[in-house]
Protein backbone atom coordinates (compact mmCIF):
# COMPACT_ATOMS: atom_id res chain seq x y z
CA UNK A 1 8.25 -9.82 -9.97
CA UNK A 2 5.39 -12.04 -11.05
CA UNK A 3 2.46 -13.01 -8.83
CA UNK A 4 3.84 -16.56 -8.69
CA UNK A 5 7.20 -15.24 -7.44
CA UNK A 6 5.49 -13.04 -4.85
CA UNK A 7 3.43 -16.03 -3.65
CA UNK A 8 6.52 -18.23 -3.40
CA UNK A 9 8.41 -15.58 -1.43
CA UNK A 10 5.52 -14.58 0.82
CA UNK A 11 4.19 -18.02 1.69
CA UNK A 12 6.99 -19.30 3.86
CA UNK A 13 4.87 -21.98 5.52
CA UNK A 14 2.34 -22.39 2.73
CA UNK A 15 -0.50 -20.97 4.80
CA UNK A 16 0.08 -17.24 4.97
CA UNK A 17 -2.40 -15.30 2.81
CA UNK A 18 -1.05 -12.81 0.31
CA UNK A 19 -1.75 -9.12 0.75
CA UNK A 20 -5.10 -8.20 -0.82
CA UNK A 21 -3.45 -5.67 -3.14
CA UNK A 22 -1.80 -8.52 -5.06
CA UNK A 23 -5.24 -9.79 -6.07
CA UNK A 24 -6.89 -6.45 -6.80
CA UNK A 25 -4.11 -3.93 -7.49
CA UNK A 26 -6.44 -1.39 -9.14
CA UNK A 27 -8.20 -0.95 -5.81
CA UNK A 28 -4.98 0.55 -4.45
CA UNK A 29 -3.68 2.24 -7.61
CA UNK A 30 -6.82 3.26 -9.47
CA UNK A 31 -8.21 2.12 -12.79
CA UNK A 32 -5.91 2.08 -15.80
CA UNK A 33 -8.39 2.65 -18.61
CA UNK A 34 -10.91 5.04 -17.10
CA UNK A 35 -10.84 8.36 -15.31
CA UNK A 36 -12.33 8.46 -11.83
CA UNK A 37 -14.42 11.28 -10.48
CA UNK A 38 -13.29 12.79 -7.19
CA UNK A 39 -16.09 10.94 -5.40
CA UNK A 40 -15.19 7.60 -7.04
CA UNK A 41 -11.54 8.01 -6.11
CA UNK A 42 -12.39 8.89 -2.49
CA UNK A 43 -14.66 5.84 -2.22
CA UNK A 44 -12.05 3.50 -3.76
CA UNK A 45 -9.31 4.86 -1.51
CA UNK A 46 -11.53 4.46 1.58
CA UNK A 47 -12.05 0.78 0.75
CA UNK A 48 -8.31 0.32 0.10
CA UNK A 49 -7.50 1.94 3.46
CA UNK A 50 -9.93 -0.38 5.24
CA UNK A 51 -8.37 -3.42 3.61
CA UNK A 52 -4.90 -2.24 4.60
CA UNK A 53 -5.82 -2.22 8.30
CA UNK A 54 -6.02 -6.03 8.39
CA UNK A 55 -3.25 -6.78 5.89
CA UNK A 56 -0.56 -9.25 7.00
CA UNK A 57 2.06 -7.13 5.18
CA UNK A 58 1.08 -3.77 6.69
CA UNK A 59 4.38 -3.13 8.49
CA UNK A 60 6.50 -4.26 5.53
CA UNK A 61 4.40 -2.13 3.19
CA UNK A 62 4.75 0.90 5.43
CA UNK A 63 8.53 0.54 5.65
CA UNK A 64 8.77 0.10 1.89
CA UNK A 65 6.60 3.16 1.26
CA UNK A 66 8.64 5.30 3.65
CA UNK A 67 11.82 4.28 1.82
CA UNK A 68 10.57 4.61 -1.75
CA UNK A 69 8.13 7.52 -1.36
CA UNK A 70 5.52 6.42 -3.94
CA UNK A 71 3.81 9.10 -6.03
CA UNK A 72 0.46 7.36 -6.41
CA UNK A 73 -1.75 4.72 -4.86
CA UNK A 74 -2.54 3.67 -1.32
CA UNK A 75 0.36 2.18 0.62
CA UNK A 76 -0.11 0.82 4.15
CA UNK A 77 -3.41 2.70 4.29
CA UNK A 78 -1.86 6.05 3.35
CA UNK A 79 -1.70 8.32 0.33
CA UNK A 80 1.67 9.45 -1.07
CA UNK A 81 1.19 12.87 0.57
CA UNK A 82 0.57 11.25 3.96
CA UNK A 83 3.62 9.02 3.52
CA UNK A 84 5.80 12.01 2.60
CA UNK A 85 4.55 13.89 5.66
CA UNK A 86 5.31 10.93 7.94
CA UNK A 87 8.75 10.50 6.38
CA UNK A 88 9.53 14.19 6.88
CA UNK A 89 8.49 13.96 10.53
CA UNK A 90 10.67 10.88 11.00
CA UNK A 91 13.67 12.58 9.40
CA UNK A 92 13.35 15.48 11.84
CA UNK A 93 13.67 13.20 14.87
CA UNK A 94 17.01 13.15 16.62
CA UNK A 95 18.54 9.87 17.75
CA UNK A 96 19.77 9.94 21.33
């Protein structure tokens, strides 16, 4: 899906801002052409997590991540390992 398609789908009333990750995806996924140090990655992920806390798509992103189980990046303020852990905990719950 192109950015234009995402914008058309997301902006129902024309005023809703897009999630920040659509404008700066490398912040959430990491750089494509360089290798990060451990410290650089931790700093980038901390900024991505902060941005996620105020994102208008946080709940949708979280649901998507729990369903798809991404293997990289920051999704709804969480790493893939954190998402997998949350999904496993959710699967263990019994429905009354």
